[in-house]
């Protein structure tokens, strides 16, 4: 199980504030409830290409997966699904995701290895509240005209290539409230200087309230984009650079906090020719001078957003970014039904076993069940995912009494009240007697017969020939 360690730092001092003031962006300090936005802010919210915003699998079947087979199966279906990931799912290769899916982590440390690939113009996909690591090649890869994708409140680290890359003409993407760490080439928008024909006028991405935590470069590195908008992100010790605009891309960088970043922004990088970049209202703490070039479109032309003061960004982002945040402030509701009820009351299945099934409970964060045997010596099932339970190694001809309750998989683990207590009595043990064989033939008395029951009962043949 992966354990996440978050570094909390003191409020910064001695930084400088970019003095460019925007007349088109309002300033609003977000409350904690903004951590759990029900809809994306930015490009993924735009009505375009026949898709009005990004809703994922809303309205579809809700399933909980705990293994690679189920995750890949539901992610690859054509119908809408809300796919709840519980525990650690160790994939052997990347998981391909088709349209109209929400993939959301539930419970403690929901983790997916090898990552996700969204391609072939699939659309309306949400990935939230997951620890994504060991991406193969990317943690999340978005390409080939995929559009309306929202990646929110995830931890991304240690991938083969990028942690989150947007390439090959993908569009309408929002990347929000994520924690990026333990990586070099973090996030790429546009994969090649020679891909202008496919990428120009596309690659529209919003990055907001992300924590770029000691990652080295590409936060993001952008080519050809119609507009990449980076606002209210925390650039924390990025050794090579923060943001690059190249190949005539348009990039707006505003309201961010740069700490210990020698090159906050570049226009052009290595062999890539320059793009346009506008910076404003950013805060530079022990950081270099940003490069700028030209003018860029206003993000507010396409969507509404509010800007937090740059000086507040470290505290806001470190408190709110990454997996394990969603629901911790707001989820106080136990599963339904409450109190729990029985689907199949306890019943004996033999002299030493009693089986039972609870009503299947529902909760957005997933459900676990707890069956209690109240008869001395009392014992229980422990918390389990299945609504069915068989109590074993019981005494025969004995009455046992049970209750069941449920809890959700949120950080609060809200529990229902226990069900009505119901009883069942184990049966008597089976009695096996020796077989009796009657022969009508001239056989000698004393021969031994064996029964066919498998219980090892023997009997003596009688000579009935007389």
Protein backbone atom coordinates (compact mmCIF):
# COMPACT_ATOMS: atom_id res chain seq x y z
CA UNK A 1 0.00 0.00 0.00
CA UNK A 2 1.38 3.39 -0.96
CA UNK A 3 1.76 5.96 1.81
CA UNK A 4 1.71 9.60 0.83
CA UNK A 5 3.90 12.05 2.69
CA UNK A 6 3.08 15.72 2.30
CA UNK A 7 5.60 18.43 3.09
CA UNK A 8 4.03 21.39 4.91
CA UNK A 9 6.07 24.55 4.81
CA UNK A 10 5.93 27.90 6.57
CA UNK A 11 4.42 30.92 4.89
CA UNK A 12 6.95 32.43 2.45
CA UNK A 13 8.75 35.67 3.17
CA UNK A 14 10.70 38.18 1.17
CA UNK A 15 9.16 37.41 -2.21
CA UNK A 16 8.34 39.81 -5.02
CA UNK A 17 4.97 40.32 -6.65
CA UNK A 18 4.47 40.85 -10.36
CA UNK A 19 2.87 44.29 -10.67
CA UNK A 20 0.80 43.72 -13.79
CA UNK A 21 -2.89 44.03 -12.84
CA UNK A 22 -5.67 42.43 -14.84
CA UNK A 23 -9.04 44.12 -15.25
CA UNK A 24 -10.76 40.97 -16.48
CA UNK A 25 -10.14 38.61 -13.55
CA UNK A 26 -11.82 38.95 -10.18
CA UNK A 27 -9.97 38.01 -7.01
CA UNK A 28 -11.61 35.56 -4.66
CA UNK A 29 -10.10 33.50 -1.87
CA UNK A 30 -11.52 30.02 -2.28
CA UNK A 31 -13.14 28.31 0.68
CA UNK A 32 -12.24 24.73 1.44
CA UNK A 33 -15.36 23.58 -0.35
CA UNK A 34 -13.73 24.57 -3.65
CA UNK A 35 -11.48 21.53 -3.23
CA UNK A 36 -14.45 19.38 -4.16
CA UNK A 37 -15.86 21.21 -7.15
CA UNK A 38 -18.67 19.25 -8.76
CA UNK A 39 -17.71 20.46 -12.22
CA UNK A 40 -14.41 21.50 -13.76
CA UNK A 41 -13.21 25.07 -14.15
CA UNK A 42 -11.40 25.91 -17.35
CA UNK A 43 -11.29 24.32 -20.75
CA UNK A 44 -13.06 21.11 -19.69
CA UNK A 45 -16.13 23.21 -18.84
CA UNK A 46 -16.54 24.64 -22.35
CA UNK A 47 -19.46 23.69 -24.60
CA UNK A 48 -17.81 22.47 -27.79
CA UNK A 49 -17.56 19.51 -30.16
CA UNK A 50 -21.06 18.43 -29.19
CA UNK A 51 -20.17 18.09 -25.51
CA UNK A 52 -21.39 20.64 -22.96
CA UNK A 53 -18.79 20.51 -20.20
CA UNK A 54 -17.37 17.36 -18.65
CA UNK A 55 -19.66 15.11 -16.62
CA UNK A 56 -17.94 11.74 -16.95
CA UNK A 57 -20.11 8.74 -16.14
CA UNK A 58 -22.85 10.73 -14.40
CA UNK A 59 -26.15 8.87 -14.66
CA UNK A 60 -24.44 5.57 -15.45
CA UNK A 61 -24.03 2.44 -13.38
CA UNK A 62 -21.82 2.74 -10.28
CA UNK A 63 -19.34 -0.11 -9.81
CA UNK A 64 -16.47 -0.70 -7.39
CA UNK A 65 -13.31 -2.37 -8.68
CA UNK A 66 -10.41 -3.86 -6.76
CA UNK A 67 -8.44 -5.65 -9.47
CA UNK A 68 -6.95 -5.01 -12.94
CA UNK A 69 -9.42 -7.15 -14.85
CA UNK A 70 -12.48 -5.28 -13.62
CA UNK A 71 -10.91 -1.84 -14.00
CA UNK A 72 -9.96 -2.47 -17.63
CA UNK A 73 -13.30 -4.08 -18.38
CA UNK A 74 -15.46 -1.20 -17.17
CA UNK A 75 -13.10 1.52 -18.46
CA UNK A 76 -13.32 -0.05 -21.91
CA UNK A 77 -17.11 -0.33 -22.06
CA UNK A 78 -19.10 1.96 -24.34
CA UNK A 79 -21.80 2.72 -21.72
CA UNK A 80 -21.44 5.43 -19.04
CA UNK A 81 -19.95 4.17 -15.77
CA UNK A 82 -18.84 5.62 -12.44
CA UNK A 83 -15.92 3.34 -11.60
CA UNK A 84 -14.87 3.46 -7.95
CA UNK A 85 -11.33 2.20 -7.36
CA UNK A 86 -10.75 0.66 -3.93
CA UNK A 87 -7.33 -0.35 -2.64
CA UNK A 88 -4.34 -0.86 -4.93
CA UNK A 89 -4.87 -2.00 -8.52
CA UNK A 90 -1.57 -3.17 -9.98
CA UNK A 91 -1.96 -3.10 -13.75
CA UNK A 92 0.51 -4.87 -16.00
CA UNK A 93 0.00 -2.22 -18.71
CA UNK A 94 -1.81 1.09 -19.13
CA UNK A 95 -5.59 1.18 -18.85
CA UNK A 96 -7.40 2.51 -21.95
CA UNK A 97 -10.47 4.59 -21.16
CA UNK A 98 -13.48 5.13 -23.43
CA UNK A 99 -16.03 7.96 -23.40
CA UNK A 100 -18.42 8.85 -20.57
CA UNK A 101 -16.48 7.50 -17.62
CA UNK A 102 -15.74 8.72 -14.12
CA UNK A 103 -12.86 6.86 -12.48
CA UNK A 104 -12.62 7.89 -8.82
CA UNK A 105 -10.69 6.53 -5.88
CA UNK A 106 -12.52 5.57 -2.70
CA UNK A 107 -11.30 4.61 0.75
CA UNK A 108 -7.71 4.87 1.98
CA UNK A 109 -4.89 5.33 -0.56
CA UNK A 110 -6.69 4.25 -3.76
CA UNK A 111 -3.82 3.49 -6.13
CA UNK A 112 -3.46 2.56 -9.80
CA UNK A 113 -0.11 1.57 -11.29
CA UNK A 114 0.77 1.90 -15.00
CA UNK A 115 -1.76 4.72 -15.45
CA UNK A 116 -4.39 5.62 -18.02
CA UNK A 117 -4.44 6.26 -21.77
CA UNK A 118 -7.24 8.34 -23.33
CA UNK A 119 -7.02 8.45 -27.12
CA UNK A 120 -8.98 7.91 -30.38
CA UNK A 121 -11.15 11.01 -29.82
CA UNK A 122 -12.79 9.55 -26.71
CA UNK A 123 -14.41 12.24 -24.61
CA UNK A 124 -16.20 13.22 -21.40
CA UNK A 125 -13.86 11.46 -18.96
CA UNK A 126 -13.11 12.31 -15.33
CA UNK A 127 -10.21 10.89 -13.29
CA UNK A 128 -10.26 11.94 -9.62
CA UNK A 129 -8.86 11.13 -6.20
CA UNK A 130 -6.32 8.52 -7.29
CA UNK A 131 -2.66 7.84 -6.56
CA UNK A 132 -1.23 7.15 -10.01
CA UNK A 133 2.31 5.85 -10.18
CA UNK A 134 4.68 3.87 -12.43
CA UNK A 135 2.90 5.12 -15.55
CA UNK A 136 3.66 3.13 -18.67
CA UNK A 137 4.64 5.28 -20.39
CA UNK A 138 2.60 8.18 -18.88
CA UNK A 139 0.66 8.49 -15.66
CA UNK A 140 -2.19 9.93 -17.72
CA UNK A 141 -1.81 10.21 -21.49
CA UNK A 142 -4.39 12.27 -23.42
CA UNK A 143 -4.02 12.24 -27.20
CA UNK A 144 -5.44 11.67 -30.69
CA UNK A 145 -8.23 14.23 -30.52
CA UNK A 146 -9.55 13.17 -27.10
CA UNK A 147 -11.55 16.01 -25.57
CA UNK A 148 -13.37 17.12 -22.46
CA UNK A 149 -11.08 15.42 -19.96
CA UNK A 150 -10.82 16.42 -16.28
CA UNK A 151 -7.98 15.14 -14.07
CA UNK A 152 -8.56 16.32 -10.51
CA UNK A 153 -7.19 15.69 -7.02
CA UNK A 154 -4.71 13.00 -7.99
CA UNK A 155 -1.17 12.19 -6.85
CA UNK A 156 1.11 11.51 -9.83
CA UNK A 157 4.70 10.28 -9.57
CA UNK A 158 7.42 8.03 -11.00
CA UNK A 159 6.29 7.34 -14.56
CA UNK A 160 8.23 6.06 -17.54
CA UNK A 161 7.77 9.28 -19.55
CA UNK A 162 5.44 12.10 -18.50
CA UNK A 163 3.21 12.24 -15.46
CA UNK A 164 0.43 13.84 -17.52
CA UNK A 165 0.88 14.55 -21.24
CA UNK A 166 -1.58 16.12 -23.69
CA UNK A 167 -0.63 15.53 -27.33
CA UNK A 168 -1.82 14.89 -30.90
CA UNK A 169 -4.58 17.48 -31.13
CA UNK A 170 -6.35 16.74 -27.83
CA UNK A 171 -8.62 19.52 -26.56
CA UNK A 172 -10.71 20.88 -23.68
CA UNK A 173 -8.67 19.51 -20.79
CA UNK A 174 -8.60 20.70 -17.17
CA UNK A 175 -5.86 19.58 -14.78
CA UNK A 176 -6.71 20.75 -11.25
CA UNK A 177 -5.71 20.25 -7.62
CA UNK A 178 -3.12 17.55 -8.37
CA UNK A 179 0.13 16.81 -6.54
CA UNK A 180 3.05 16.08 -8.89
CA UNK A 181 6.28 14.76 -7.35
CA UNK A 182 9.30 12.43 -7.80
CA UNK A 183 9.68 13.07 -11.51
CA UNK A 184 11.64 15.02 -14.12
CA UNK A 185 9.62 15.50 -17.33
CA UNK A 186 6.34 16.29 -15.68
CA UNK A 187 3.69 17.50 -18.15
CA UNK A 188 3.97 18.01 -21.90
CA UNK A 189 1.47 19.76 -24.16
CA UNK A 190 2.40 19.00 -27.77
CA UNK A 191 4.96 16.27 -28.34
CA UNK A 192 7.04 17.47 -31.29
CA UNK A 193 8.22 20.62 -33.06
CA UNK A 194 7.19 18.99 -36.36
CA UNK A 195 3.52 18.35 -35.49
CA UNK A 196 2.06 21.76 -36.34
CA UNK A 197 -0.51 20.43 -38.81
CA UNK A 198 -2.24 18.29 -36.18
CA UNK A 199 -1.76 20.49 -33.11
CA UNK A 200 -2.19 24.10 -34.23
CA UNK A 201 -5.48 25.50 -32.95
CA UNK A 202 -5.87 22.64 -30.47
CA UNK A 203 -4.20 21.50 -27.23
CA UNK A 204 -6.42 23.70 -25.04
CA UNK A 205 -5.55 22.97 -21.42
CA UNK A 206 -6.17 24.68 -18.07
CA UNK A 207 -3.85 23.96 -15.13
CA UNK A 208 -4.99 25.34 -11.79
CA UNK A 209 -4.21 24.75 -8.11
CA UNK A 210 -1.63 22.06 -8.82
CA UNK A 211 1.41 21.45 -6.64
CA UNK A 212 4.55 20.98 -8.71
CA UNK A 213 6.54 19.56 -5.80
CA UNK A 214 10.30 19.46 -6.56
CA UNK A 215 9.63 18.14 -10.08
CA UNK A 216 12.36 19.25 -12.49
CA UNK A 217 10.76 20.58 -15.70
CA UNK A 218 7.67 20.72 -17.96
CA UNK A 219 5.05 22.40 -15.80
CA UNK A 220 4.01 22.33 -18.63
CA UNK A 221 6.16 22.57 -21.77
CA UNK A 222 3.78 23.75 -24.50
CA UNK A 223 3.86 23.65 -28.32
CA UNK A 224 1.30 25.04 -30.83
CA UNK A 225 -1.54 25.44 -28.32
CA UNK A 226 -4.46 27.76 -28.99
CA UNK A 227 -4.23 28.62 -25.25
CA UNK A 228 -2.79 26.94 -22.20
CA UNK A 229 -3.85 28.71 -19.03
CA UNK A 230 -1.82 28.21 -15.83
CA UNK A 231 -3.29 29.88 -12.75
CA UNK A 232 -2.92 29.54 -8.99
CA UNK A 233 -0.38 26.73 -9.20
CA UNK A 234 2.42 26.27 -6.66
CA UNK A 235 5.82 25.93 -8.35
CA UNK A 236 7.95 24.51 -5.55
CA UNK A 237 11.67 24.02 -6.13
CA UNK A 238 11.55 23.19 -9.86
CA UNK A 239 15.23 22.98 -10.68
CA UNK A 240 15.26 23.52 -14.46
CA UNK A 241 12.21 25.68 -15.20
CA UNK A 242 8.54 26.26 -14.60
CA UNK A 243 6.66 26.84 -17.88
CA UNK A 244 7.79 26.84 -21.53
CA UNK A 245 5.89 28.33 -24.47
CA UNK A 246 7.31 27.11 -27.78
CA UNK A 247 6.39 26.72 -31.45
CA UNK A 248 3.98 29.69 -31.53
CA UNK A 249 1.94 28.40 -28.59
CA UNK A 250 -0.18 30.83 -26.58
CA UNK A 251 0.31 30.57 -22.79
CA UNK A 252 -1.18 32.67 -19.97
CA UNK A 253 0.57 32.34 -16.60
CA UNK A 254 -1.15 34.20 -13.76
CA UNK A 255 -1.62 34.18 -10.02
CA UNK A 256 0.97 31.45 -9.45
CA UNK A 257 3.57 31.19 -6.70
CA UNK A 258 7.15 30.39 -7.76
CA UNK A 259 9.50 29.32 -4.96
CA UNK A 260 13.14 28.47 -5.66
CA UNK A 261 12.57 28.28 -9.42
CA UNK A 262 15.60 29.69 -11.28
CA UNK A 263 13.68 30.08 -14.57
CA UNK A 264 9.94 30.54 -13.95
CA UNK A 265 9.10 30.82 -17.66
CA UNK A 266 10.85 30.39 -20.98
CA UNK A 267 9.77 31.43 -24.48
CA UNK A 268 11.31 28.70 -26.59
CA UNK A 269 13.52 25.99 -25.17
CA UNK A 270 16.42 23.94 -26.49
CA UNK A 271 15.78 23.52 -30.25
CA UNK A 272 12.10 24.54 -30.01
CA UNK A 273 11.36 28.03 -31.37
CA UNK A 274 9.54 30.51 -29.14
CA UNK A 275 5.86 30.86 -28.44
CA UNK A 276 3.93 33.71 -26.84
CA UNK A 277 3.63 33.95 -23.07
CA UNK A 278 2.00 36.54 -20.82
CA UNK A 279 2.63 36.52 -17.06
CA UNK A 280 0.77 38.60 -14.49
CA UNK A 281 -0.02 38.68 -10.79
CA UNK A 282 2.55 35.99 -10.02
CA UNK A 283 4.69 35.85 -6.86
CA UNK A 284 8.40 35.12 -7.14
CA UNK A 285 10.16 33.82 -4.03
CA UNK A 286 13.91 33.34 -4.50
CA UNK A 287 13.20 32.79 -8.19
CA UNK A 288 14.51 34.15 -11.45
CA UNK A 289 13.03 36.63 -13.90
CA UNK A 290 10.29 35.26 -16.15
CA UNK A 291 10.60 35.45 -19.93
CA UNK A 292 7.60 36.86 -21.80
CA UNK A 293 6.69 37.37 -25.45
CA UNK A 294 3.81 38.92 -27.36
CA UNK A 295 0.15 38.79 -26.38
CA UNK A 296 -2.18 35.87 -25.81
CA UNK A 297 -5.97 35.38 -25.78
CA UNK A 298 -7.83 36.07 -22.56
CA UNK A 299 -8.97 32.87 -20.87
CA UNK A 300 -12.11 34.70 -19.71
CA UNK A 301 -13.19 34.86 -23.35
CA UNK A 302 -13.80 31.11 -23.17
CA UNK A 303 -14.79 30.39 -19.55
CA UNK A 304 -15.36 32.01 -16.15
CA UNK A 305 -12.85 31.61 -13.34
CA UNK A 306 -11.79 33.34 -10.13
CA UNK A 307 -8.23 34.01 -9.11
CA UNK A 308 -6.80 33.47 -5.62
CA UNK A 309 -4.12 35.95 -4.49
CA UNK A 310 -0.73 34.54 -5.43
CA UNK A 311 0.55 35.00 -1.86
CA UNK A 312 -2.11 32.61 -0.62
CA UNK A 313 -1.39 29.87 -3.14
CA UNK A 314 1.12 27.73 -1.17
CA UNK A 315 -1.17 27.35 1.83
CA UNK A 316 -4.27 26.77 -0.29
CA UNK A 317 -2.64 24.28 -2.65
CA UNK A 318 -0.71 22.25 -0.08
CA UNK A 319 -3.88 21.89 1.98
CA UNK A 320 -6.10 20.99 -0.94
CA UNK A 321 -4.13 19.28 -3.71
CA UNK A 322 -3.74 15.57 -4.28
CA UNK A 323 -5.58 12.36 -3.50
CA UNK A 324 -7.29 11.80 -0.18
CA UNK A 325 -8.76 15.29 0.07
CA UNK A 326 -12.15 14.89 -1.58
CA UNK A 327 -14.97 14.23 0.86
CA UNK A 328 -12.96 14.81 4.02
CA UNK A 329 -14.77 18.07 4.73
CA UNK A 330 -18.24 17.29 3.47
CA UNK A 331 -19.07 13.57 3.69
CA UNK A 332 -20.99 12.99 6.92
CA UNK A 333 -23.73 10.76 5.50
CA UNK A 334 -23.71 6.98 6.04
CA UNK A 335 -24.75 4.52 3.35
CA UNK A 336 -28.37 3.81 2.51
CA UNK A 337 -30.37 2.09 4.02
CA UNK A 338 -29.78 3.34 7.54
CA UNK A 339 -30.36 1.33 9.73
CA UNK A 340 -29.19 -1.62 7.68
CA UNK A 341 -31.66 -4.32 6.67
CA UNK A 342 -31.51 -7.97 5.64
CA UNK A 343 -31.84 -9.27 2.11
CA UNK A 344 -31.64 -12.90 3.24
CA UNK A 345 -31.94 -13.43 7.03
CA UNK A 346 -29.57 -15.87 8.74
CA UNK A 347 -30.28 -19.53 7.96
CA UNK A 348 -28.53 -22.80 8.74
CA UNK A 349 -26.69 -24.53 5.95
CA UNK A 350 -25.69 -27.49 8.12
CA UNK A 351 -24.72 -28.46 11.63
CA UNK A 352 -21.81 -25.97 11.82
CA UNK A 353 -22.60 -23.12 9.39
CA UNK A 354 -25.08 -20.25 9.13
CA UNK A 355 -25.27 -18.04 6.01
CA UNK A 356 -26.83 -14.60 5.54
CA UNK A 357 -26.93 -11.64 3.11
CA UNK A 358 -27.42 -7.96 3.89
CA UNK A 359 -29.32 -5.57 1.68
CA UNK A 360 -26.88 -4.10 -0.85
CA UNK A 361 -26.19 -0.60 0.47
CA UNK A 362 -25.31 2.42 -1.65
CA UNK A 363 -22.93 5.33 -1.08
CA UNK A 364 -20.92 7.46 -3.55
CA UNK A 365 -17.65 6.49 -1.88
CA UNK A 366 -18.35 2.76 -1.74
CA UNK A 367 -19.59 0.46 1.04
CA UNK A 368 -18.29 -2.17 3.47
CA UNK A 369 -20.30 -4.54 5.70
CA UNK A 370 -19.85 -5.83 9.24
CA UNK A 371 -21.68 -8.94 10.50
CA UNK A 372 -21.75 -9.51 14.27
CA UNK A 373 -22.57 -12.82 15.99
CA UNK A 374 -24.01 -11.76 19.33
CA UNK A 375 -24.13 -15.25 20.88
CA UNK A 376 -21.42 -16.02 23.42
CA UNK A 377 -18.59 -16.27 22.65
CA UNK A 378 -19.34 -13.29 20.38
CA UNK A 379 -17.38 -12.81 17.17
CA UNK A 380 -17.70 -10.95 13.86
CA UNK A 381 -16.80 -10.91 10.17
CA UNK A 382 -14.67 -7.79 10.29
CA UNK A 383 -15.28 -5.11 7.67
CA UNK A 384 -15.68 -6.68 4.23
CA UNK A 385 -16.76 -5.60 0.74
CA UNK A 386 -19.25 -8.43 0.20
CA UNK A 387 -22.84 -8.14 1.51
CA UNK A 388 -22.87 -11.93 2.08
CA UNK A 389 -21.34 -13.83 5.00
CA UNK A 390 -21.17 -17.44 6.17
CA UNK A 391 -20.36 -18.08 9.84
CA UNK A 392 -18.51 -21.37 10.22
CA UNK A 393 -17.23 -23.80 12.89
CA UNK A 394 -20.37 -23.46 14.99
CA UNK A 395 -21.88 -25.91 17.46
CA UNK A 396 -24.74 -28.11 16.28
CA UNK A 397 -28.32 -27.61 17.49
CA UNK A 398 -27.43 -24.14 18.78
CA UNK A 399 -29.20 -20.83 18.17
CA UNK A 400 -27.04 -17.91 17.02
CA UNK A 401 -28.13 -14.27 16.73
CA UNK A 402 -26.74 -11.76 14.20
CA UNK A 403 -26.83 -8.10 13.21
CA UNK A 404 -25.25 -6.31 10.25
CA UNK A 405 -24.22 -2.71 9.68
CA UNK A 406 -22.47 -0.82 6.87
CA UNK A 407 -20.01 2.03 6.52
CA UNK A 408 -18.86 4.12 3.58
CA UNK A 409 -15.30 4.28 2.25
CA UNK A 410 -14.86 8.00 2.74
CA UNK A 411 -12.19 9.29 5.10
CA UNK A 412 -14.90 9.70 7.74
CA UNK A 413 -16.07 6.07 7.44
CA UNK A 414 -19.66 6.98 8.26
CA UNK A 415 -21.54 3.98 9.74
CA UNK A 416 -25.19 3.01 9.60
CA UNK A 417 -27.06 1.78 12.64
CA UNK A 418 -27.15 -1.99 13.04
CA UNK A 419 -29.96 -4.04 11.57
CA UNK A 420 -32.62 -5.92 13.46
CA UNK A 421 -31.11 -8.87 15.36
CA UNK A 422 -32.19 -12.17 13.79
CA UNK A 423 -31.45 -15.77 14.78
CA UNK A 424 -30.94 -19.16 13.19
CA UNK A 425 -30.29 -22.60 14.68
CA UNK A 426 -27.75 -25.05 13.37
CA UNK A 427 -29.00 -28.52 12.48
CA UNK A 428 -28.18 -31.83 14.09
CA UNK A 429 -25.11 -33.57 12.78
CA UNK A 430 -25.77 -36.38 10.31
CA UNK A 431 -25.86 -39.94 11.65
CA UNK A 432 -24.21 -42.60 9.55
CA UNK A 433 -24.96 -46.29 10.33
CA UNK A 434 -23.26 -49.36 8.90
CA UNK A 435 -24.64 -50.69 5.66
CA UNK A 436 -26.73 -53.83 5.58
CA UNK A 437 -26.30 -56.05 2.57
CA UNK A 438 -28.60 -58.99 1.85
CA UNK A 439 -27.40 -61.60 -0.56
CA UNK A 440 -29.51 -64.23 -2.27
CA UNK A 441 -26.49 -66.11 -3.47
CA UNK A 442 -24.48 -68.89 -1.90
CA UNK A 443 -21.85 -66.61 -0.36
CA UNK A 444 -19.92 -67.39 2.79
CA UNK A 445 -20.93 -65.44 5.88
CA UNK A 446 -18.39 -63.00 7.25
CA UNK A 447 -17.59 -61.14 4.03
CA UNK A 448 -17.24 -57.40 4.54
CA UNK A 449 -19.30 -54.78 2.67
CA UNK A 450 -18.32 -51.16 2.24
CA UNK A 451 -20.93 -48.44 1.86
CA UNK A 452 -20.71 -45.84 -0.90
CA UNK A 453 -21.23 -42.78 1.27
CA UNK A 454 -17.56 -42.15 1.79
CA UNK A 455 -17.94 -42.15 5.60
CA UNK A 456 -16.06 -45.41 6.04
CA UNK A 457 -18.94 -47.42 7.54
CA UNK A 458 -18.50 -51.15 7.22
CA UNK A 459 -20.95 -53.99 7.69
CA UNK A 460 -20.93 -57.78 7.65
CA UNK A 461 -22.68 -59.67 4.85
CA UNK A 462 -25.33 -62.15 5.90
CA UNK A 463 -25.82 -65.39 4.01
CA UNK A 464 -29.51 -65.23 3.08
CA UNK A 465 -29.41 -68.18 0.65
CA UNK A 466 -31.47 -70.27 3.05
